[in-house]
């Protein structure tokens, strides 16, 4: 057991950061679903379903994540987040998941904006 206390999420910032995490997971899941539908066969479907979320996670980890070594400053970080959610929404729409794509893009971009307002440096 360590003597260091773990910071707790509370109030509006805690809710925003929790929802942000859920939208990040939804982004990855959306890319996996879209990738699975993009493939021309079983093997390509699996490859795309793995590579698309992996690429997004790599971009997120390098440029957006709070502990990223090359974390972008605002507003560039918000722009990258915006593009990731928008592209995921478009790709989902192209494979026939239009409502899910629009919902993911709108909610993801909205939560990204709320993060800047209520959970500074989140």
PDB file of N, CA and C in Angstrom:
ATOM      1  N   UNK A   1       0.847  -1.165   0.000  1.00  0.00           N
ATOM      2  CA  UNK A   1       0.000   0.000   0.000  1.00  0.00           C
ATOM      3  C   UNK A   1       0.895   1.231   0.000  1.00  0.00           C
ATOM      4  N   UNK A   2       0.538   2.224  -0.805  1.00  0.00           N
ATOM      5  CA  UNK A   2       1.343   3.444  -0.882  1.00  0.00           C
ATOM      6  C   UNK A   2       0.728   4.528  -0.031  1.00  0.00           C
ATOM      7  N   UNK A   3       1.559   5.474   0.348  1.00  0.00           N
ATOM      8  CA  UNK A   3       1.054   6.581   1.156  1.00  0.00           C
ATOM      9  C   UNK A   3       0.520   7.715   0.301  1.00  0.00           C
ATOM     10  N   UNK A   4       0.751   7.635  -1.032  1.00  0.00           N
ATOM     11  CA  UNK A   4       0.259   8.676  -1.927  1.00  0.00           C
ATOM     12  C   UNK A   4      -1.237   8.498  -2.141  1.00  0.00           C
ATOM     13  N   UNK A   5      -1.942   9.615  -2.115  1.00  0.00           N
ATOM     14  CA  UNK A   5      -3.381   9.524  -2.369  1.00  0.00           C
ATOM     15  C   UNK A   5      -3.637   9.679  -3.868  1.00  0.00           C
ATOM     16  N   UNK A   6      -4.616   8.965  -4.347  1.00  0.00           N
ATOM     17  CA  UNK A   6      -4.995   9.034  -5.741  1.00  0.00           C
ATOM     18  C   UNK A   6      -6.006  10.156  -5.910  1.00  0.00           C
ATOM     19  N   UNK A   7      -5.807  11.037  -6.918  1.00  0.00           N
ATOM     20  CA  UNK A   7      -6.789  12.098  -7.120  1.00  0.00           C
ATOM     21  C   UNK A   7      -8.139  11.506  -7.504  1.00  0.00           C
ATOM     22  N   UNK A   8      -9.182  12.032  -6.932  1.00  0.00           N
ATOM     23  CA  UNK A   8     -10.527  11.539  -7.201  1.00  0.00           C
ATOM     24  C   UNK A   8     -11.249  12.487  -8.150  1.00  0.00           C
ATOM     25  N   UNK A   9     -12.033  11.882  -9.009  1.00  0.00           N
ATOM     26  CA  UNK A   9     -12.854  12.673  -9.905  1.00  0.00           C
ATOM     27  C   UNK A   9     -14.112  13.084  -9.157  1.00  0.00           C
ATOM     28  N   UNK A  10     -14.410  14.361  -9.193  1.00  0.00           N
ATOM     29  CA  UNK A  10     -15.615  14.807  -8.510  1.00  0.00           C
ATOM     30  C   UNK A  10     -16.224  15.983  -9.252  1.00  0.00           C
ATOM     31  N   UNK A  11     -17.473  16.205  -8.992  1.00  0.00           N
ATOM     32  CA  UNK A  11     -18.180  17.334  -9.571  1.00  0.00           C
ATOM     33  C   UNK A  11     -18.321  17.232 -11.082  1.00  0.00           C
ATOM     34  N   UNK A  12     -18.514  18.383 -11.689  1.00  0.00           N
ATOM     35  CA  UNK A  12     -18.731  18.451 -13.130  1.00  0.00           C
ATOM     36  C   UNK A  12     -17.507  17.946 -13.889  1.00  0.00           C
ATOM     37  N   UNK A  13     -16.314  18.314 -13.440  1.00  0.00           N
ATOM     38  CA  UNK A  13     -15.113  17.872 -14.155  1.00  0.00           C
ATOM     39  C   UNK A  13     -14.992  16.350 -14.120  1.00  0.00           C
ATOM     40  N   UNK A  14     -15.359  15.725 -13.024  1.00  0.00           N
ATOM     41  CA  UNK A  14     -15.324  14.269 -12.942  1.00  0.00           C
ATOM     42  C   UNK A  14     -16.282  13.619 -13.921  1.00  0.00           C
ATOM     43  N   UNK A  15     -17.474  14.174 -14.026  1.00  0.00           N
ATOM     44  CA  UNK A  15     -18.469  13.644 -14.967  1.00  0.00           C
ATOM     45  C   UNK A  15     -17.976  13.829 -16.399  1.00  0.00           C
ATOM     46  N   UNK A  16     -17.465  15.013 -16.699  1.00  0.00           N
ATOM     47  CA  UNK A  16     -16.988  15.296 -18.057  1.00  0.00           C
ATOM     48  C   UNK A  16     -15.838  14.365 -18.428  1.00  0.00           C
ATOM     49  N   UNK A  17     -14.895  14.166 -17.517  1.00  0.00           N
ATOM     50  CA  UNK A  17     -13.765  13.289 -17.817  1.00  0.00           C
ATOM     51  C   UNK A  17     -14.188  11.824 -17.952  1.00  0.00           C
ATOM     52  N   UNK A  18     -15.182  11.416 -17.186  1.00  0.00           N
ATOM     53  CA  UNK A  18     -15.691  10.049 -17.311  1.00  0.00           C
ATOM     54  C   UNK A  18     -16.384   9.856 -18.661  1.00  0.00           C
ATOM     55  N   UNK A  19     -17.207  10.810 -19.043  1.00  0.00           N
ATOM     56  CA  UNK A  19     -17.888  10.725 -20.334  1.00  0.00           C
ATOM     57  C   UNK A  19     -16.870  10.825 -21.469  1.00  0.00           C
ATOM     58  N   UNK A  20     -15.837  11.636 -21.274  1.00  0.00           N
ATOM     59  CA  UNK A  20     -14.779  11.734 -22.287  1.00  0.00           C
ATOM     60  C   UNK A  20     -14.123  10.367 -22.507  1.00  0.00           C
ATOM     61  N   UNK A  21     -13.815   9.683 -21.421  1.00  0.00           N
ATOM     62  CA  UNK A  21     -13.210   8.355 -21.533  1.00  0.00           C
ATOM     63  C   UNK A  21     -14.141   7.413 -22.292  1.00  0.00           C
ATOM     64  N   UNK A  22     -15.425   7.477 -22.003  1.00  0.00           N
ATOM     65  CA  UNK A  22     -16.388   6.617 -22.698  1.00  0.00           C
ATOM     66  C   UNK A  22     -16.470   6.960 -24.186  1.00  0.00           C
ATOM     67  N   UNK A  23     -16.367   8.243 -24.532  1.00  0.00           N
ATOM     68  CA  UNK A  23     -16.381   8.608 -25.952  1.00  0.00           C
ATOM     69  C   UNK A  23     -15.104   8.143 -26.650  1.00  0.00           C
ATOM     70  N   UNK A  24     -13.984   8.137 -25.936  1.00  0.00           N
ATOM     71  CA  UNK A  24     -12.744   7.613 -26.508  1.00  0.00           C
ATOM     72  C   UNK A  24     -12.899   6.126 -26.821  1.00  0.00           C
ATOM     73  N   UNK A  25     -13.490   5.382 -25.898  1.00  0.00           N
ATOM     74  CA  UNK A  25     -13.741   3.960 -26.136  1.00  0.00           C
ATOM     75  C   UNK A  25     -14.707   3.761 -27.309  1.00  0.00           C
ATOM     76  N   UNK A  26     -15.728   4.605 -27.377  1.00  0.00           N
ATOM     77  CA  UNK A  26     -16.689   4.516 -28.477  1.00  0.00           C
ATOM     78  C   UNK A  26     -16.019   4.829 -29.815  1.00  0.00           C
ATOM     79  N   UNK A  27     -15.083   5.757 -29.822  1.00  0.00           N
ATOM     80  CA  UNK A  27     -14.325   6.079 -31.027  1.00  0.00           C
ATOM     81  C   UNK A  27     -13.593   4.838 -31.529  1.00  0.00           C
ATOM     82  N   UNK A  28     -12.902   4.165 -30.626  1.00  0.00           N
ATOM     83  CA  UNK A  28     -12.164   2.962 -31.005  1.00  0.00           C
ATOM     84  C   UNK A  28     -13.107   1.856 -31.472  1.00  0.00           C
ATOM     85  N   UNK A  29     -14.214   1.682 -30.765  1.00  0.00           N
ATOM     86  CA  UNK A  29     -15.196   0.661 -31.158  1.00  0.00           C
ATOM     87  C   UNK A  29     -15.807   0.989 -32.521  1.00  0.00           C
ATOM     88  N   UNK A  30     -16.112   2.265 -32.740  1.00  0.00           N
ATOM     89  CA  UNK A  30     -16.671   2.679 -34.029  1.00  0.00           C
ATOM     90  C   UNK A  30     -15.715   2.407 -35.178  1.00  0.00           C
ATOM     91  N   UNK A  31     -14.430   2.671 -34.946  1.00  0.00           N
ATOM     92  CA  UNK A  31     -13.446   2.390 -35.990  1.00  0.00           C
ATOM     93  C   UNK A  31     -13.299   0.893 -36.231  1.00  0.00           C
ATOM     94  N   UNK A  32     -13.413   0.095 -35.182  1.00  0.00           N
ATOM     95  CA  UNK A  32     -13.346  -1.356 -35.342  1.00  0.00           C
ATOM     96  C   UNK A  32     -14.538  -1.864 -36.156  1.00  0.00           C
ATOM     97  N   UNK A  33     -15.723  -1.355 -35.849  1.00  0.00           N
ATOM     98  CA  UNK A  33     -16.926  -1.758 -36.586  1.00  0.00           C
ATOM     99  C   UNK A  33     -16.807  -1.331 -38.044  1.00  0.00           C
ATOM    100  N   UNK A  34     -16.387  -0.093 -38.271  1.00  0.00           N
ATOM    101  CA  UNK A  34     -16.240   0.393 -39.643  1.00  0.00           C
ATOM    102  C   UNK A  34     -15.191  -0.418 -40.396  1.00  0.00           C
ATOM    103  N   UNK A  35     -14.080  -0.703 -39.735  1.00  0.00           N
ATOM    104  CA  UNK A  35     -13.034  -1.490 -40.371  1.00  0.00           C
ATOM    105  C   UNK A  35     -13.511  -2.877 -40.745  1.00  0.00           C
ATOM    106  N   UNK A  36     -14.307  -3.477 -39.881  1.00  0.00           N
ATOM    107  CA  UNK A  36     -14.841  -4.809 -40.163  1.00  0.00           C
ATOM    108  C   UNK A  36     -15.744  -4.789 -41.388  1.00  0.00           C
ATOM    109  N   UNK A  37     -16.439  -3.693 -41.609  1.00  0.00           N
ATOM    110  CA  UNK A  37     -17.334  -3.587 -42.761  1.00  0.00           C
ATOM    111  C   UNK A  37     -16.604  -3.148 -44.029  1.00  0.00           C
ATOM    112  N   UNK A  38     -15.422  -2.581 -43.900  1.00  0.00           N
ATOM    113  CA  UNK A  38     -14.675  -2.117 -45.064  1.00  0.00           C
ATOM    114  C   UNK A  38     -13.961  -3.246 -45.795  1.00  0.00           C
ATOM    115  N   UNK A  39     -13.610  -4.280 -45.081  1.00  0.00           N
ATOM    116  CA  UNK A  39     -12.834  -5.370 -45.675  1.00  0.00           C
ATOM    117  C   UNK A  39     -13.586  -6.088 -46.775  1.00  0.00           C
ATOM    118  N   UNK A  40     -12.845  -6.555 -47.777  1.00  0.00           N
ATOM    119  CA  UNK A  40     -13.442  -7.275 -48.883  1.00  0.00           C
ATOM    120  C   UNK A  40     -13.606  -8.761 -48.596  1.00  0.00           C
ATOM    121  N   UNK A  41     -13.079  -9.206 -47.522  1.00  0.00           N
ATOM    122  CA  UNK A  41     -13.175 -10.607 -47.120  1.00  0.00           C
ATOM    123  C   UNK A  41     -12.884 -10.696 -45.636  1.00  0.00           C
ATOM    124  N   UNK A  42     -12.891 -11.893 -45.123  1.00  0.00           N
ATOM    125  CA  UNK A  42     -12.696 -12.085 -43.689  1.00  0.00           C
ATOM    126  C   UNK A  42     -11.347 -11.552 -43.215  1.00  0.00           C
ATOM    127  N   UNK A  43     -10.292 -11.867 -43.930  1.00  0.00           N
ATOM    128  CA  UNK A  43      -8.955 -11.451 -43.509  1.00  0.00           C
ATOM    129  C   UNK A  43      -8.834  -9.929 -43.531  1.00  0.00           C
ATOM    130  N   UNK A  44      -9.257  -9.304 -44.617  1.00  0.00           N
ATOM    131  CA  UNK A  44      -9.173  -7.834 -44.696  1.00  0.00           C
ATOM    132  C   UNK A  44     -10.068  -7.167 -43.657  1.00  0.00           C
ATOM    133  N   UNK A  45     -11.227  -7.737 -43.398  1.00  0.00           N
ATOM    134  CA  UNK A  45     -12.114  -7.185 -42.368  1.00  0.00           C
ATOM    135  C   UNK A  45     -11.433  -7.192 -41.007  1.00  0.00           C
ATOM    136  N   UNK A  46     -10.770  -8.277 -40.689  1.00  0.00           N
ATOM    137  CA  UNK A  46     -10.066  -8.373 -39.411  1.00  0.00           C
ATOM    138  C   UNK A  46      -8.904  -7.387 -39.364  1.00  0.00           C
ATOM    139  N   UNK A  47      -8.148  -7.309 -40.460  1.00  0.00           N
ATOM    140  CA  UNK A  47      -7.006  -6.391 -40.511  1.00  0.00           C
ATOM    141  C   UNK A  47      -7.473  -4.952 -40.315  1.00  0.00           C
ATOM    142  N   UNK A  48      -8.494  -4.532 -41.047  1.00  0.00           N
ATOM    143  CA  UNK A  48      -8.999  -3.163 -40.905  1.00  0.00           C
ATOM    144  C   UNK A  48      -9.597  -2.914 -39.527  1.00  0.00           C
ATOM    145  N   UNK A  49     -10.300  -3.916 -38.990  1.00  0.00           N
ATOM    146  CA  UNK A  49     -10.922  -3.768 -37.670  1.00  0.00           C
ATOM    147  C   UNK A  49      -9.878  -3.611 -36.576  1.00  0.00           C
ATOM    148  N   UNK A  50      -8.681  -4.104 -36.808  1.00  0.00           N
ATOM    149  CA  UNK A  50      -7.599  -3.952 -35.832  1.00  0.00           C
ATOM    150  C   UNK A  50      -6.792  -2.685 -36.104  1.00  0.00           C
ATOM    151  N   UNK A  51      -6.458  -2.442 -37.381  1.00  0.00           N
ATOM    152  CA  UNK A  51      -5.563  -1.334 -37.715  1.00  0.00           C
ATOM    153  C   UNK A  51      -6.188   0.052 -37.539  1.00  0.00           C
ATOM    154  N   UNK A  52      -7.455   0.209 -37.878  1.00  0.00           N
ATOM    155  CA  UNK A  52      -8.069   1.540 -37.749  1.00  0.00           C
ATOM    156  C   UNK A  52      -8.080   2.029 -36.296  1.00  0.00           C
ATOM    157  N   UNK A  53      -8.576   1.235 -35.334  1.00  0.00           N
ATOM    158  CA  UNK A  53      -8.526   1.720 -33.953  1.00  0.00           C
ATOM    159  C   UNK A  53      -7.095   1.841 -33.425  1.00  0.00           C
ATOM    160  N   UNK A  54      -6.216   0.973 -33.885  1.00  0.00           N
ATOM    161  CA  UNK A  54      -4.826   1.044 -33.453  1.00  0.00           C
ATOM    162  C   UNK A  54      -4.173   2.343 -33.918  1.00  0.00           C
ATOM    163  N   UNK A  55      -4.450   2.746 -35.147  1.00  0.00           N
ATOM    164  CA  UNK A  55      -3.911   4.007 -35.665  1.00  0.00           C
ATOM    165  C   UNK A  55      -4.470   5.193 -34.880  1.00  0.00           C
ATOM    166  N   UNK A  56      -5.769   5.173 -34.602  1.00  0.00           N
ATOM    167  CA  UNK A  56      -6.372   6.270 -33.833  1.00  0.00           C
ATOM    168  C   UNK A  56      -5.806   6.313 -32.421  1.00  0.00           C
ATOM    169  N   UNK A  57      -5.626   5.158 -31.806  1.00  0.00           N
ATOM    170  CA  UNK A  57      -5.061   5.111 -30.451  1.00  0.00           C
ATOM    171  C   UNK A  57      -3.627   5.632 -30.445  1.00  0.00           C
ATOM    172  N   UNK A  58      -2.886   5.345 -31.501  1.00  0.00           N
ATOM    173  CA  UNK A  58      -1.510   5.840 -31.584  1.00  0.00           C
ATOM    174  C   UNK A  58      -1.484   7.361 -31.697  1.00  0.00           C
ATOM    175  N   UNK A  59      -2.345   7.909 -32.532  1.00  0.00           N
ATOM    176  CA  UNK A  59      -2.424   9.375 -32.672  1.00  0.00           C
ATOM    177  C   UNK A  59      -2.835   9.997 -31.341  1.00  0.00           C
ATOM    178  N   UNK A  60      -3.848   9.418 -30.711  1.00  0.00           N
ATOM    179  CA  UNK A  60      -4.330   9.931 -29.425  1.00  0.00           C
ATOM    180  C   UNK A  60      -3.215   9.881 -28.381  1.00  0.00           C
ATOM    181  N   UNK A  61      -2.540   8.751 -28.316  1.00  0.00           N
ATOM    182  CA  UNK A  61      -1.487   8.576 -27.324  1.00  0.00           C
ATOM    183  C   UNK A  61      -0.292   9.490 -27.535  1.00  0.00           C
ATOM    184  N   UNK A  62       0.006   9.804 -28.787  1.00  0.00           N
ATOM    185  CA  UNK A  62       1.161  10.650 -29.072  1.00  0.00           C
ATOM    186  C   UNK A  62       0.880  12.140 -28.916  1.00  0.00           C
ATOM    187  N   UNK A  63      -0.348  12.571 -29.250  1.00  0.00           N
ATOM    188  CA  UNK A  63      -0.607  14.000 -29.349  1.00  0.00           C
ATOM    189  C   UNK A  63      -1.693  14.553 -28.442  1.00  0.00           C
ATOM    190  N   UNK A  64      -2.585  13.717 -27.921  1.00  0.00           N
ATOM    191  CA  UNK A  64      -3.735  14.215 -27.166  1.00  0.00           C
ATOM    192  C   UNK A  64      -3.696  13.819 -25.696  1.00  0.00           C
ATOM    193  N   UNK A  65      -3.241  12.622 -25.404  1.00  0.00           N
ATOM    194  CA  UNK A  65      -3.270  12.089 -24.038  1.00  0.00           C
ATOM    195  C   UNK A  65      -2.554  13.018 -23.053  1.00  0.00           C
ATOM    196  N   UNK A  66      -3.067  13.109 -21.827  1.00  0.00           N
ATOM    197  CA  UNK A  66      -2.457  14.008 -20.838  1.00  0.00           C
ATOM    198  C   UNK A  66      -0.977  13.742 -20.580  1.00  0.00           C
ATOM    199  N   UNK A  67      -0.542  12.500 -20.711  1.00  0.00           N
ATOM    200  CA  UNK A  67       0.874  12.181 -20.461  1.00  0.00           C
ATOM    201  C   UNK A  67       1.685  12.000 -21.740  1.00  0.00           C
ATOM    202  N   UNK A  68       1.167  12.454 -22.862  1.00  0.00           N
ATOM    203  CA  UNK A  68       1.882  12.316 -24.128  1.00  0.00           C
ATOM    204  C   UNK A  68       3.164  13.139 -24.104  1.00  0.00           C
ATOM    205  N   UNK A  69       4.219  12.563 -24.618  1.00  0.00           N
ATOM    206  CA  UNK A  69       5.507  13.274 -24.640  1.00  0.00           C
ATOM    207  C   UNK A  69       5.488  14.445 -25.607  1.00  0.00           C
ATOM    208  N   UNK A  70       4.733  14.308 -26.691  1.00  0.00           N
ATOM    209  CA  UNK A  70       4.631  15.384 -27.690  1.00  0.00           C
ATOM    210  C   UNK A  70       3.211  15.941 -27.727  1.00  0.00           C
ATOM    211  N   UNK A  71       2.643  16.165 -26.578  1.00  0.00           N
ATOM    212  CA  UNK A  71       1.262  16.650 -26.494  1.00  0.00           C
ATOM    213  C   UNK A  71       1.144  18.003 -27.180  1.00  0.00           C
ATOM    214  N   UNK A  72       0.176  18.093 -28.051  1.00  0.00           N
ATOM    215  CA  UNK A  72      -0.027  19.332 -28.792  1.00  0.00           C
ATOM    216  C   UNK A  72      -0.628  20.404 -27.890  1.00  0.00           C
ATOM    217  N   UNK A  73      -0.307  21.655 -28.156  1.00  0.00           N
ATOM    218  CA  UNK A  73      -0.954  22.741 -27.418  1.00  0.00           C
ATOM    219  C   UNK A  73      -2.358  22.969 -27.987  1.00  0.00           C
ATOM    220  N   UNK A  74      -3.186  23.650 -27.216  1.00  0.00           N
ATOM    221  CA  UNK A  74      -4.498  24.049 -27.736  1.00  0.00           C
ATOM    222  C   UNK A  74      -4.278  25.191 -28.717  1.00  0.00           C
ATOM    223  N   UNK A  75      -5.020  25.348 -29.752  1.00  0.00           N
ATOM    224  CA  UNK A  75      -6.194  24.591 -30.191  1.00  0.00           C
ATOM    225  C   UNK A  75      -5.862  23.411 -31.098  1.00  0.00           C
ATOM    226  N   UNK A  76      -4.576  23.165 -31.376  1.00  0.00           N
ATOM    227  CA  UNK A  76      -4.203  22.063 -32.270  1.00  0.00           C
ATOM    228  C   UNK A  76      -4.685  20.719 -31.723  1.00  0.00           C
ATOM    229  N   UNK A  77      -4.600  20.546 -30.413  1.00  0.00           N
ATOM    230  CA  UNK A  77      -5.035  19.284 -29.799  1.00  0.00           C
ATOM    231  C   UNK A  77      -6.536  19.078 -30.019  1.00  0.00           C
ATOM    232  N   UNK A  78      -7.304  20.142 -29.849  1.00  0.00           N
ATOM    233  CA  UNK A  78      -8.747  20.040 -30.080  1.00  0.00           C
ATOM    234  C   UNK A  78      -9.027  19.731 -31.551  1.00  0.00           C
ATOM    235  N   UNK A  79      -8.265  20.324 -32.454  1.00  0.00           N
ATOM    236  CA  UNK A  79      -8.467  20.085 -33.879  1.00  0.00           C
ATOM    237  C   UNK A  79      -8.210  18.615 -34.235  1.00  0.00           C
ATOM    238  N   UNK A  80      -7.172  18.023 -33.672  1.00  0.00           N
ATOM    239  CA  UNK A  80      -6.886  16.606 -33.933  1.00  0.00           C
ATOM    240  C   UNK A  80      -8.017  15.736 -33.388  1.00  0.00           C
ATOM    241  N   UNK A  81      -8.490  16.064 -32.192  1.00  0.00           N
ATOM    242  CA  UNK A  81      -9.624  15.327 -31.610  1.00  0.00           C
ATOM    243  C   UNK A  81     -10.856  15.456 -32.496  1.00  0.00           C
ATOM    244  N   UNK A  82     -11.122  16.673 -32.940  1.00  0.00           N
ATOM    245  CA  UNK A  82     -12.257  16.954 -33.813  1.00  0.00           C
ATOM    246  C   UNK A  82     -12.172  16.089 -35.066  1.00  0.00           C
ATOM    247  N   UNK A  83     -11.002  16.058 -35.692  1.00  0.00           N
ATOM    248  CA  UNK A  83     -10.821  15.287 -36.923  1.00  0.00           C
ATOM    249  C   UNK A  83     -11.020  13.797 -36.675  1.00  0.00           C
ATOM    250  N   UNK A  84     -10.483  13.275 -35.573  1.00  0.00           N
ATOM    251  CA  UNK A  84     -10.651  11.851 -35.273  1.00  0.00           C
ATOM    252  C   UNK A  84     -12.124  11.477 -35.139  1.00  0.00           C
ATOM    253  N   UNK A  85     -12.881  12.271 -34.387  1.00  0.00           N
ATOM    254  CA  UNK A  85     -14.306  11.968 -34.214  1.00  0.00           C
ATOM    255  C   UNK A  85     -15.080  12.179 -35.512  1.00  0.00           C
ATOM    256  N   UNK A  86     -14.759  13.231 -36.261  1.00  0.00           N
ATOM    257  CA  UNK A  86     -15.463  13.502 -37.518  1.00  0.00           C
ATOM    258  C   UNK A  86     -15.202  12.404 -38.541  1.00  0.00           C
ATOM    259  N   UNK A  87     -13.951  11.995 -38.688  1.00  0.00           N
ATOM    260  CA  UNK A  87     -13.615  10.942 -39.648  1.00  0.00           C
ATOM    261  C   UNK A  87     -14.282   9.623 -39.251  1.00  0.00           C
ATOM    262  N   UNK A  88     -14.284   9.325 -37.965  1.00  0.00           N
ATOM    263  CA  UNK A  88     -14.949   8.102 -37.509  1.00  0.00           C
ATOM    264  C   UNK A  88     -16.434   8.157 -37.841  1.00  0.00           C
ATOM    265  N   UNK A  89     -17.054   9.303 -37.627  1.00  0.00           N
ATOM    266  CA  UNK A  89     -18.468   9.458 -37.965  1.00  0.00           C
ATOM    267  C   UNK A  89     -18.733   9.271 -39.448  1.00  0.00           C
ATOM    268  N   UNK A  90     -17.878   9.845 -40.273  1.00  0.00           N
ATOM    269  CA  UNK A  90     -18.035   9.715 -41.725  1.00  0.00           C
ATOM    270  C   UNK A  90     -17.858   8.264 -42.167  1.00  0.00           C
ATOM    271  N   UNK A  91     -16.819   7.612 -41.655  1.00  0.00           N
ATOM    272  CA  UNK A  91     -16.558   6.226 -42.046  1.00  0.00           C
ATOM    273  C   UNK A  91     -17.716   5.316 -41.603  1.00  0.00           C
ATOM    274  N   UNK A  92     -18.214   5.542 -40.397  1.00  0.00           N
ATOM    275  CA  UNK A  92     -19.375   4.756 -39.957  1.00  0.00           C
ATOM    276  C   UNK A  92     -20.570   4.999 -40.870  1.00  0.00           C
ATOM    277  N   UNK A  93     -20.777   6.245 -41.264  1.00  0.00           N
ATOM    278  CA  UNK A  93     -21.864   6.557 -42.189  1.00  0.00           C
ATOM    279  C   UNK A  93     -21.692   5.861 -43.531  1.00  0.00           C
ATOM    280  N   UNK A  94     -20.458   5.810 -44.021  1.00  0.00           N
ATOM    281  CA  UNK A  94     -20.188   5.182 -45.311  1.00  0.00           C
ATOM    282  C   UNK A  94     -20.428   3.678 -45.314  1.00  0.00           C
ATOM    283  N   UNK A  95     -20.282   3.042 -44.158  1.00  0.00           N
ATOM    284  CA  UNK A  95     -20.509   1.589 -44.104  1.00  0.00           C
ATOM    285  C   UNK A  95     -21.937   1.248 -43.678  1.00  0.00           C
ATOM    286  N   UNK A  96     -22.797   2.270 -43.588  1.00  0.00           N
ATOM    287  CA  UNK A  96     -24.206   2.016 -43.309  1.00  0.00           C
ATOM    288  C   UNK A  96     -24.653   2.270 -41.887  1.00  0.00           C
ATOM    289  N   UNK A  97     -23.785   2.787 -41.062  1.00  0.00           N
ATOM    290  CA  UNK A  97     -24.119   3.084 -39.672  1.00  0.00           C
ATOM    291  C   UNK A  97     -24.241   4.603 -39.505  1.00  0.00           C
ATOM    292  N   UNK A  98     -25.087   5.225 -40.315  1.00  0.00           N
ATOM    293  CA  UNK A  98     -25.172   6.683 -40.363  1.00  0.00           C
ATOM    294  C   UNK A  98     -25.565   7.304 -39.029  1.00  0.00           C
ATOM    295  N   UNK A  99     -26.607   6.800 -38.406  1.00  0.00           N
ATOM    296  CA  UNK A  99     -27.073   7.383 -37.142  1.00  0.00           C
ATOM    297  C   UNK A  99     -26.003   7.243 -36.064  1.00  0.00           C
ATOM    298  N   UNK A 100     -25.389   6.075 -35.968  1.00  0.00           N
ATOM    299  CA  UNK A 100     -24.322   5.874 -34.986  1.00  0.00           C
ATOM    300  C   UNK A 100     -23.135   6.784 -35.284  1.00  0.00           C
ATOM    301  N   UNK A 101     -22.806   6.943 -36.553  1.00  0.00           N
ATOM    302  CA  UNK A 101     -21.694   7.804 -36.938  1.00  0.00           C
ATOM    303  C   UNK A 101     -21.926   9.256 -36.583  1.00  0.00           C
ATOM    304  N   UNK A 102     -23.120   9.738 -36.899  1.00  0.00           N
ATOM    305  CA  UNK A 102     -23.452  11.133 -36.566  1.00  0.00           C
ATOM    306  C   UNK A 102     -23.468  11.320 -35.054  1.00  0.00           C
ATOM    307  N   UNK A 103     -24.087  10.390 -34.350  1.00  0.00           N
ATOM    308  CA  UNK A 103     -24.155  10.499 -32.887  1.00  0.00           C
ATOM    309  C   UNK A 103     -22.763  10.488 -32.266  1.00  0.00           C
ATOM    310  N   UNK A 104     -21.915   9.588 -32.720  1.00  0.00           N
ATOM    311  CA  UNK A 104     -20.562   9.517 -32.171  1.00  0.00           C
ATOM    312  C   UNK A 104     -19.787  10.794 -32.447  1.00  0.00           C
ATOM    313  N   UNK A 105     -19.880  11.306 -33.662  1.00  0.00           N
ATOM    314  CA  UNK A 105     -19.160  12.522 -34.006  1.00  0.00           C
ATOM    315  C   UNK A 105     -19.650  13.710 -33.184  1.00  0.00           C
ATOM    316  N   UNK A 106     -20.959  13.876 -33.096  1.00  0.00           N
ATOM    317  CA  UNK A 106     -21.520  15.016 -32.363  1.00  0.00           C
ATOM    318  C   UNK A 106     -21.197  14.932 -30.876  1.00  0.00           C
ATOM    319  N   UNK A 107     -21.419  13.776 -30.276  1.00  0.00           N
ATOM    320  CA  UNK A 107     -21.162  13.618 -28.842  1.00  0.00           C
ATOM    321  C   UNK A 107     -19.666  13.721 -28.553  1.00  0.00           C
ATOM    322  N   UNK A 108     -18.843  13.071 -29.367  1.00  0.00           N
ATOM    323  CA  UNK A 108     -17.400  13.110 -29.152  1.00  0.00           C
ATOM    324  C   UNK A 108     -16.830  14.511 -29.248  1.00  0.00           C
ATOM    325  N   UNK A 109     -17.237  15.254 -30.269  1.00  0.00           N
ATOM    326  CA  UNK A 109     -16.755  16.629 -30.436  1.00  0.00           C
ATOM    327  C   UNK A 109     -17.309  17.522 -29.331  1.00  0.00           C
ATOM    328  N   UNK A 110     -18.566  17.303 -28.970  1.00  0.00           N
ATOM    329  CA  UNK A 110     -19.159  18.089 -27.880  1.00  0.00           C
ATOM    330  C   UNK A 110     -18.462  17.856 -26.549  1.00  0.00           C
ATOM    331  N   UNK A 111     -18.165  16.618 -26.252  1.00  0.00           N
ATOM    332  CA  UNK A 111     -17.475  16.303 -24.994  1.00  0.00           C
ATOM    333  C   UNK A 111     -16.045  16.842 -25.022  1.00  0.00           C
ATOM    334  N   UNK A 112     -15.409  16.809 -26.187  1.00  0.00           N
ATOM    335  CA  UNK A 112     -14.063  17.395 -26.303  1.00  0.00           C
ATOM    336  C   UNK A 112     -14.104  18.885 -25.980  1.00  0.00           C
ATOM    337  N   UNK A 113     -15.142  19.565 -26.459  1.00  0.00           N
ATOM    338  CA  UNK A 113     -15.290  20.991 -26.148  1.00  0.00           C
ATOM    339  C   UNK A 113     -15.588  21.198 -24.665  1.00  0.00           C
ATOM    340  N   UNK A 114     -16.456  20.370 -24.102  1.00  0.00           N
ATOM    341  CA  UNK A 114     -16.777  20.481 -22.673  1.00  0.00           C
ATOM    342  C   UNK A 114     -15.551  20.225 -21.800  1.00  0.00           C
ATOM    343  N   UNK A 115     -14.687  19.344 -22.250  1.00  0.00           N
ATOM    344  CA  UNK A 115     -13.466  19.057 -21.498  1.00  0.00           C
ATOM    345  C   UNK A 115     -12.627  20.316 -21.371  1.00  0.00           C
ATOM    346  N   UNK A 116     -12.549  21.081 -22.442  1.00  0.00           N
ATOM    347  CA  UNK A 116     -11.765  22.317 -22.395  1.00  0.00           C
ATOM    348  C   UNK A 116     -12.387  23.342 -21.441  1.00  0.00           C
ATOM    349  N   UNK A 117     -13.677  23.281 -21.268  1.00  0.00           N
ATOM    350  CA  UNK A 117     -14.375  24.250 -20.427  1.00  0.00           C
ATOM    351  C   UNK A 117     -14.376  23.844 -18.950  1.00  0.00           C
ATOM    352  N   UNK A 118     -14.632  22.564 -18.672  1.00  0.00           N
ATOM    353  CA  UNK A 118     -14.851  22.144 -17.286  1.00  0.00           C
ATOM    354  C   UNK A 118     -13.733  21.302 -16.676  1.00  0.00           C
ATOM    355  N   UNK A 119     -12.900  20.718 -17.489  1.00  0.00           N
ATOM    356  CA  UNK A 119     -11.834  19.858 -16.948  1.00  0.00           C
ATOM    357  C   UNK A 119     -10.521  20.271 -17.608  1.00  0.00           C
ATOM    358  N   UNK A 120     -10.026  21.391 -17.223  1.00  0.00           N
ATOM    359  CA  UNK A 120      -8.817  21.956 -17.826  1.00  0.00           C
ATOM    360  C   UNK A 120      -7.695  20.934 -17.871  1.00  0.00           C
ATOM    361  N   UNK A 121      -7.029  20.907 -19.015  1.00  0.00           N
ATOM    362  CA  UNK A 121      -5.864  20.047 -19.248  1.00  0.00           C
ATOM    363  C   UNK A 121      -6.202  18.571 -19.134  1.00  0.00           C
ATOM    364  N   UNK A 122      -7.461  18.209 -19.453  1.00  0.00           N
ATOM    365  CA  UNK A 122      -7.887  16.822 -19.337  1.00  0.00           C
ATOM    366  C   UNK A 122      -7.506  15.954 -20.482  1.00  0.00           C
TER     367      UNK A 122
END
